Amino acid sequence: MSVVFTVVVGVTIALNAVESVANFMRAEWVRRNSRAVGVPDSWLPFLGFVKGAAALGLAAGFAWRPVGVAAAAGLVVFFVCATVLHVRRRVFHNFAGPLLFLGLSVAALWLMLVA
């Protein structure tokens, strides 16, 4: 297993785990960002669950690659949707976040497939 694979997937796991916890805690910055794109606060626990499950799936992908591939693919879909939502709502002040997560998710998926 390469260093690049470990670092990219590890960072993707860590950031999604932090986001998951922040969603469950209903952190003010999460609520502010969600409201900006029209996502109600009531969705935060579900979004936290999705990000947490994906982080766990990526971690499981170190041992069983198909689970990691599925988790990474799910994150790609999730963050494509988040990016589209930001563009449709014309919310660009925090646009770097979804793009960063999308890029990491695409990289993790690619590495899960080829490494």
N, C-alpha and C. Protein backbone atom coordinates (compact mmCIF):
# COMPACT_ATOMS: atom_id res chain seq x y z
N MET A 1 0.85 -1.17 0.00
CA MET A 1 0.00 0.00 0.00
C MET A 1 0.90 1.24 0.00
N SER A 2 0.61 2.16 -0.87
CA SER A 2 1.48 3.31 -1.02
C SER A 2 1.23 4.37 0.03
N VAL A 3 2.22 5.22 0.21
CA VAL A 3 2.11 6.33 1.15
C VAL A 3 1.02 7.28 0.69
N VAL A 4 0.95 7.53 -0.62
CA VAL A 4 -0.06 8.45 -1.16
C VAL A 4 -1.46 7.93 -0.84
N PHE A 5 -1.68 6.65 -1.06
CA PHE A 5 -2.97 6.04 -0.76
C PHE A 5 -3.33 6.26 0.71
N THR A 6 -2.40 5.94 1.58
CA THR A 6 -2.65 6.05 3.02
C THR A 6 -2.92 7.49 3.43
N VAL A 7 -2.15 8.43 2.91
CA VAL A 7 -2.33 9.83 3.29
C VAL A 7 -3.65 10.38 2.76
N VAL A 8 -3.92 10.18 1.47
CA VAL A 8 -5.15 10.73 0.88
C VAL A 8 -6.39 10.13 1.52
N VAL A 9 -6.42 8.82 1.64
CA VAL A 9 -7.60 8.19 2.24
C VAL A 9 -7.69 8.55 3.72
N GLY A 10 -6.56 8.60 4.40
CA GLY A 10 -6.57 8.99 5.82
C GLY A 10 -7.08 10.39 6.04
N VAL A 11 -6.65 11.34 5.23
CA VAL A 11 -7.13 12.73 5.34
C VAL A 11 -8.62 12.79 5.02
N THR A 12 -9.05 12.05 4.02
CA THR A 12 -10.48 12.03 3.66
C THR A 12 -11.31 11.46 4.80
N ILE A 13 -10.82 10.41 5.42
CA ILE A 13 -11.51 9.83 6.59
C ILE A 13 -11.59 10.86 7.71
N ALA A 14 -10.46 11.47 8.04
CA ALA A 14 -10.41 12.41 9.16
C ALA A 14 -11.33 13.60 8.94
N LEU A 15 -11.29 14.19 7.77
CA LEU A 15 -12.12 15.37 7.52
C LEU A 15 -13.60 15.04 7.51
N ASN A 16 -13.97 13.90 6.96
CA ASN A 16 -15.37 13.52 6.97
C ASN A 16 -15.83 13.14 8.37
N ALA A 17 -14.96 12.57 9.17
CA ALA A 17 -15.31 12.26 10.56
C ALA A 17 -15.54 13.54 11.35
N VAL A 18 -14.68 14.54 11.14
CA VAL A 18 -14.86 15.84 11.81
C VAL A 18 -16.18 16.47 11.37
N GLU A 19 -16.44 16.45 10.09
CA GLU A 19 -17.70 16.99 9.57
C GLU A 19 -18.91 16.25 10.15
N SER A 20 -18.80 14.94 10.28
CA SER A 20 -19.88 14.15 10.85
C SER A 20 -20.19 14.59 12.27
N VAL A 21 -19.15 14.68 13.08
CA VAL A 21 -19.34 15.10 14.47
C VAL A 21 -19.92 16.51 14.53
N ALA A 22 -19.42 17.41 13.69
CA ALA A 22 -19.92 18.78 13.67
C ALA A 22 -21.40 18.82 13.28
N ASN A 23 -21.80 17.95 12.38
CA ASN A 23 -23.22 17.88 12.01
C ASN A 23 -24.06 17.40 13.19
N PHE A 24 -23.60 16.36 13.86
CA PHE A 24 -24.36 15.85 15.01
C PHE A 24 -24.41 16.86 16.14
N MET A 25 -23.35 17.63 16.31
CA MET A 25 -23.31 18.64 17.37
C MET A 25 -24.04 19.93 16.96
N ARG A 26 -24.46 19.98 15.70
CA ARG A 26 -25.13 21.17 15.16
C ARG A 26 -24.27 22.42 15.39
N ALA A 27 -23.02 22.30 15.04
CA ALA A 27 -22.08 23.42 15.19
C ALA A 27 -22.61 24.62 14.43
N GLU A 28 -22.37 25.79 14.98
CA GLU A 28 -22.90 27.01 14.38
C GLU A 28 -22.42 27.19 12.94
N TRP A 29 -21.15 26.92 12.68
CA TRP A 29 -20.65 27.10 11.32
C TRP A 29 -21.29 26.12 10.34
N VAL A 30 -21.65 24.94 10.82
CA VAL A 30 -22.34 23.97 9.96
C VAL A 30 -23.75 24.46 9.68
N ARG A 31 -24.44 24.92 10.70
CA ARG A 31 -25.81 25.43 10.51
C ARG A 31 -25.81 26.63 9.57
N ARG A 32 -24.86 27.52 9.74
CA ARG A 32 -24.78 28.71 8.90
C ARG A 32 -24.55 28.32 7.44
N ASN A 33 -23.62 27.40 7.20
CA ASN A 33 -23.34 26.95 5.83
C ASN A 33 -24.53 26.23 5.23
N SER A 34 -25.19 25.39 6.01
CA SER A 34 -26.34 24.65 5.51
C SER A 34 -27.49 25.58 5.17
N ARG A 35 -27.76 26.52 6.04
CA ARG A 35 -28.84 27.47 5.79
C ARG A 35 -28.57 28.30 4.54
N ALA A 36 -27.31 28.62 4.30
CA ALA A 36 -26.96 29.45 3.14
C ALA A 36 -27.38 28.78 1.83
N VAL A 37 -27.37 27.45 1.80
CA VAL A 37 -27.75 26.74 0.58
C VAL A 37 -29.15 26.14 0.68
N GLY A 38 -29.87 26.48 1.73
CA GLY A 38 -31.26 26.06 1.85
C GLY A 38 -31.48 24.71 2.47
N VAL A 39 -30.49 24.17 3.16
CA VAL A 39 -30.65 22.88 3.83
C VAL A 39 -31.11 23.14 5.26
N PRO A 40 -32.27 22.60 5.65
CA PRO A 40 -32.78 22.86 7.00
C PRO A 40 -31.95 22.15 8.07
N ASP A 41 -31.95 22.73 9.26
CA ASP A 41 -31.22 22.15 10.40
C ASP A 41 -31.66 20.72 10.70
N SER A 42 -32.88 20.39 10.40
CA SER A 42 -33.40 19.05 10.70
C SER A 42 -32.67 17.97 9.90
N TRP A 43 -31.99 18.33 8.83
CA TRP A 43 -31.26 17.36 8.02
C TRP A 43 -29.87 17.06 8.57
N LEU A 44 -29.39 17.88 9.50
CA LEU A 44 -28.00 17.74 9.96
C LEU A 44 -27.67 16.36 10.52
N PRO A 45 -28.53 15.76 11.36
CA PRO A 45 -28.18 14.42 11.84
C PRO A 45 -28.04 13.40 10.70
N PHE A 46 -28.90 13.47 9.71
CA PHE A 46 -28.80 12.55 8.57
C PHE A 46 -27.50 12.79 7.81
N LEU A 47 -27.18 14.05 7.56
CA LEU A 47 -25.94 14.36 6.84
C LEU A 47 -24.72 13.92 7.65
N GLY A 48 -24.80 14.07 8.97
CA GLY A 48 -23.72 13.59 9.83
C GLY A 48 -23.58 12.08 9.76
N PHE A 49 -24.72 11.39 9.72
CA PHE A 49 -24.70 9.93 9.59
C PHE A 49 -24.05 9.50 8.27
N VAL A 50 -24.42 10.18 7.19
CA VAL A 50 -23.87 9.84 5.87
C VAL A 50 -22.35 10.02 5.86
N LYS A 51 -21.88 11.16 6.36
CA LYS A 51 -20.44 11.43 6.36
C LYS A 51 -19.70 10.47 7.29
N GLY A 52 -20.30 10.17 8.44
CA GLY A 52 -19.68 9.23 9.37
C GLY A 52 -19.62 7.82 8.80
N ALA A 53 -20.71 7.40 8.17
CA ALA A 53 -20.73 6.07 7.56
C ALA A 53 -19.69 5.97 6.44
N ALA A 54 -19.55 7.05 5.67
CA ALA A 54 -18.56 7.06 4.60
C ALA A 54 -17.15 6.98 5.17
N ALA A 55 -16.90 7.71 6.25
CA ALA A 55 -15.57 7.65 6.88
C ALA A 55 -15.27 6.23 7.37
N LEU A 56 -16.25 5.60 7.99
CA LEU A 56 -16.06 4.21 8.44
C LEU A 56 -15.86 3.27 7.26
N GLY A 57 -16.62 3.49 6.19
CA GLY A 57 -16.47 2.66 4.99
C GLY A 57 -15.10 2.81 4.36
N LEU A 58 -14.59 4.04 4.32
CA LEU A 58 -13.24 4.24 3.80
C LEU A 58 -12.21 3.53 4.66
N ALA A 59 -12.39 3.61 5.97
CA ALA A 59 -11.46 2.93 6.88
C ALA A 59 -11.52 1.42 6.66
N ALA A 60 -12.73 0.89 6.47
CA ALA A 60 -12.88 -0.54 6.21
C ALA A 60 -12.24 -0.91 4.87
N GLY A 61 -12.15 0.06 3.96
CA GLY A 61 -11.55 -0.18 2.66
C GLY A 61 -10.08 -0.53 2.71
N PHE A 62 -9.42 -0.21 3.81
CA PHE A 62 -8.03 -0.63 3.96
C PHE A 62 -7.94 -2.15 4.04
N ALA A 63 -8.96 -2.77 4.63
CA ALA A 63 -8.96 -4.23 4.79
C ALA A 63 -9.74 -4.92 3.67
N TRP A 64 -10.86 -4.33 3.28
CA TRP A 64 -11.72 -4.93 2.26
C TRP A 64 -12.06 -3.86 1.24
N ARG A 65 -11.35 -3.84 0.16
CA ARG A 65 -11.40 -2.77 -0.83
C ARG A 65 -12.80 -2.46 -1.37
N PRO A 66 -13.68 -3.45 -1.64
CA PRO A 66 -15.00 -3.10 -2.18
C PRO A 66 -15.81 -2.15 -1.29
N VAL A 67 -15.66 -2.27 0.01
CA VAL A 67 -16.37 -1.37 0.92
C VAL A 67 -15.80 0.05 0.78
N GLY A 68 -14.50 0.15 0.67
CA GLY A 68 -13.88 1.46 0.47
C GLY A 68 -14.28 2.10 -0.84
N VAL A 69 -14.38 1.31 -1.88
CA VAL A 69 -14.81 1.82 -3.19
C VAL A 69 -16.24 2.34 -3.09
N ALA A 70 -17.11 1.58 -2.46
CA ALA A 70 -18.50 2.01 -2.30
C ALA A 70 -18.60 3.30 -1.49
N ALA A 71 -17.83 3.38 -0.41
CA ALA A 71 -17.86 4.58 0.43
C ALA A 71 -17.33 5.79 -0.34
N ALA A 72 -16.24 5.61 -1.06
CA ALA A 72 -15.68 6.72 -1.83
C ALA A 72 -16.63 7.16 -2.94
N ALA A 73 -17.26 6.20 -3.60
CA ALA A 73 -18.23 6.54 -4.66
C ALA A 73 -19.41 7.30 -4.06
N GLY A 74 -19.87 6.87 -2.90
CA GLY A 74 -20.96 7.58 -2.23
C GLY A 74 -20.57 9.01 -1.88
N LEU A 75 -19.34 9.20 -1.42
CA LEU A 75 -18.88 10.56 -1.11
C LEU A 75 -18.79 11.42 -2.37
N VAL A 76 -18.35 10.83 -3.47
CA VAL A 76 -18.30 11.59 -4.72
C VAL A 76 -19.69 12.08 -5.09
N VAL A 77 -20.67 11.20 -5.03
CA VAL A 77 -22.05 11.59 -5.35
C VAL A 77 -22.53 12.67 -4.38
N PHE A 78 -22.27 12.48 -3.10
CA PHE A 78 -22.69 13.43 -2.07
C PHE A 78 -22.11 14.82 -2.36
N PHE A 79 -20.81 14.88 -2.63
CA PHE A 79 -20.19 16.19 -2.80
C PHE A 79 -20.42 16.78 -4.19
N VAL A 80 -20.74 15.97 -5.19
CA VAL A 80 -21.22 16.53 -6.46
C VAL A 80 -22.54 17.24 -6.20
N CYS A 81 -23.41 16.60 -5.44
CA CYS A 81 -24.71 17.23 -5.10
C CYS A 81 -24.50 18.51 -4.31
N ALA A 82 -23.58 18.49 -3.35
CA ALA A 82 -23.30 19.69 -2.56
C ALA A 82 -22.76 20.81 -3.44
N THR A 83 -21.89 20.47 -4.37
CA THR A 83 -21.32 21.47 -5.27
C THR A 83 -22.41 22.06 -6.17
N VAL A 84 -23.25 21.21 -6.72
CA VAL A 84 -24.36 21.67 -7.57
C VAL A 84 -25.29 22.58 -6.76
N LEU A 85 -25.58 22.21 -5.53
CA LEU A 85 -26.45 23.02 -4.69
C LEU A 85 -25.85 24.40 -4.43
N HIS A 86 -24.54 24.45 -4.19
CA HIS A 86 -23.89 25.74 -3.99
C HIS A 86 -23.99 26.60 -5.26
N VAL A 87 -23.79 26.00 -6.41
CA VAL A 87 -23.85 26.75 -7.66
C VAL A 87 -25.28 27.22 -7.92
N ARG A 88 -26.26 26.34 -7.75
CA ARG A 88 -27.66 26.71 -7.99
C ARG A 88 -28.11 27.84 -7.09
N ARG A 89 -27.66 27.81 -5.84
CA ARG A 89 -28.04 28.85 -4.87
C ARG A 89 -27.11 30.07 -4.92
N ARG A 90 -26.10 29.98 -5.77
CA ARG A 90 -25.11 31.07 -5.90
C ARG A 90 -24.46 31.42 -4.56
N VAL A 91 -24.07 30.38 -3.85
CA VAL A 91 -23.38 30.55 -2.57
C VAL A 91 -21.91 30.18 -2.80
N PHE A 92 -21.09 31.19 -2.92
CA PHE A 92 -19.70 30.97 -3.26
C PHE A 92 -18.73 31.36 -2.15
N HIS A 93 -19.23 31.96 -1.08
CA HIS A 93 -18.32 32.38 -0.01
C HIS A 93 -17.69 31.19 0.71
N ASN A 94 -18.32 30.05 0.65
CA ASN A 94 -17.77 28.84 1.29
C ASN A 94 -17.64 27.70 0.28
N PHE A 95 -17.48 28.05 -0.98
CA PHE A 95 -17.46 27.07 -2.06
C PHE A 95 -16.22 26.19 -2.03
N ALA A 96 -15.15 26.67 -1.41
CA ALA A 96 -13.92 25.89 -1.35
C ALA A 96 -14.12 24.60 -0.57
N GLY A 97 -15.00 24.61 0.42
CA GLY A 97 -15.25 23.41 1.23
C GLY A 97 -15.75 22.24 0.41
N PRO A 98 -16.89 22.40 -0.27
CA PRO A 98 -17.37 21.28 -1.08
C PRO A 98 -16.39 20.85 -2.17
N LEU A 99 -15.68 21.82 -2.75
CA LEU A 99 -14.71 21.46 -3.78
C LEU A 99 -13.55 20.65 -3.21
N LEU A 100 -13.08 21.04 -2.03
CA LEU A 100 -12.00 20.29 -1.38
C LEU A 100 -12.46 18.86 -1.08
N PHE A 101 -13.65 18.72 -0.49
CA PHE A 101 -14.16 17.40 -0.16
C PHE A 101 -14.44 16.57 -1.41
N LEU A 102 -14.92 17.22 -2.46
CA LEU A 102 -15.14 16.51 -3.72
C LEU A 102 -13.81 16.02 -4.29
N GLY A 103 -12.81 16.88 -4.29
CA GLY A 103 -11.51 16.49 -4.80
C GLY A 103 -10.91 15.34 -4.02
N LEU A 104 -10.99 15.40 -2.70
CA LEU A 104 -10.48 14.30 -1.87
C LEU A 104 -11.26 13.02 -2.12
N SER A 105 -12.56 13.14 -2.29
CA SER A 105 -13.39 11.95 -2.53
C SER A 105 -13.07 11.30 -3.86
N VAL A 106 -12.88 12.12 -4.89
CA VAL A 106 -12.50 11.59 -6.21
C VAL A 106 -11.13 10.92 -6.13
N ALA A 107 -10.20 11.57 -5.44
CA ALA A 107 -8.85 10.99 -5.29
C ALA A 107 -8.91 9.68 -4.51
N ALA A 108 -9.70 9.65 -3.45
CA ALA A 108 -9.82 8.41 -2.65
C ALA A 108 -10.44 7.30 -3.50
N LEU A 109 -11.46 7.63 -4.27
CA LEU A 109 -12.10 6.62 -5.13
C LEU A 109 -11.09 6.10 -6.16
N TRP A 110 -10.38 6.99 -6.81
CA TRP A 110 -9.41 6.58 -7.81
C TRP A 110 -8.35 5.67 -7.18
N LEU A 111 -7.84 6.09 -6.01
CA LEU A 111 -6.81 5.29 -5.35
C LEU A 111 -7.36 3.93 -4.89
N MET A 112 -8.61 3.91 -4.42
CA MET A 112 -9.22 2.63 -4.03
C MET A 112 -9.32 1.68 -5.23
N LEU A 113 -9.51 2.25 -6.41
CA LEU A 113 -9.66 1.43 -7.60
C LEU A 113 -8.33 0.96 -8.18
N VAL A 114 -7.29 1.78 -8.07
CA VAL A 114 -6.04 1.44 -8.76
C VAL A 114 -4.89 1.02 -7.83
N ALA A 115 -4.97 1.35 -6.55
CA ALA A 115 -3.84 1.05 -5.67
C ALA A 115 -3.89 -0.38 -5.18
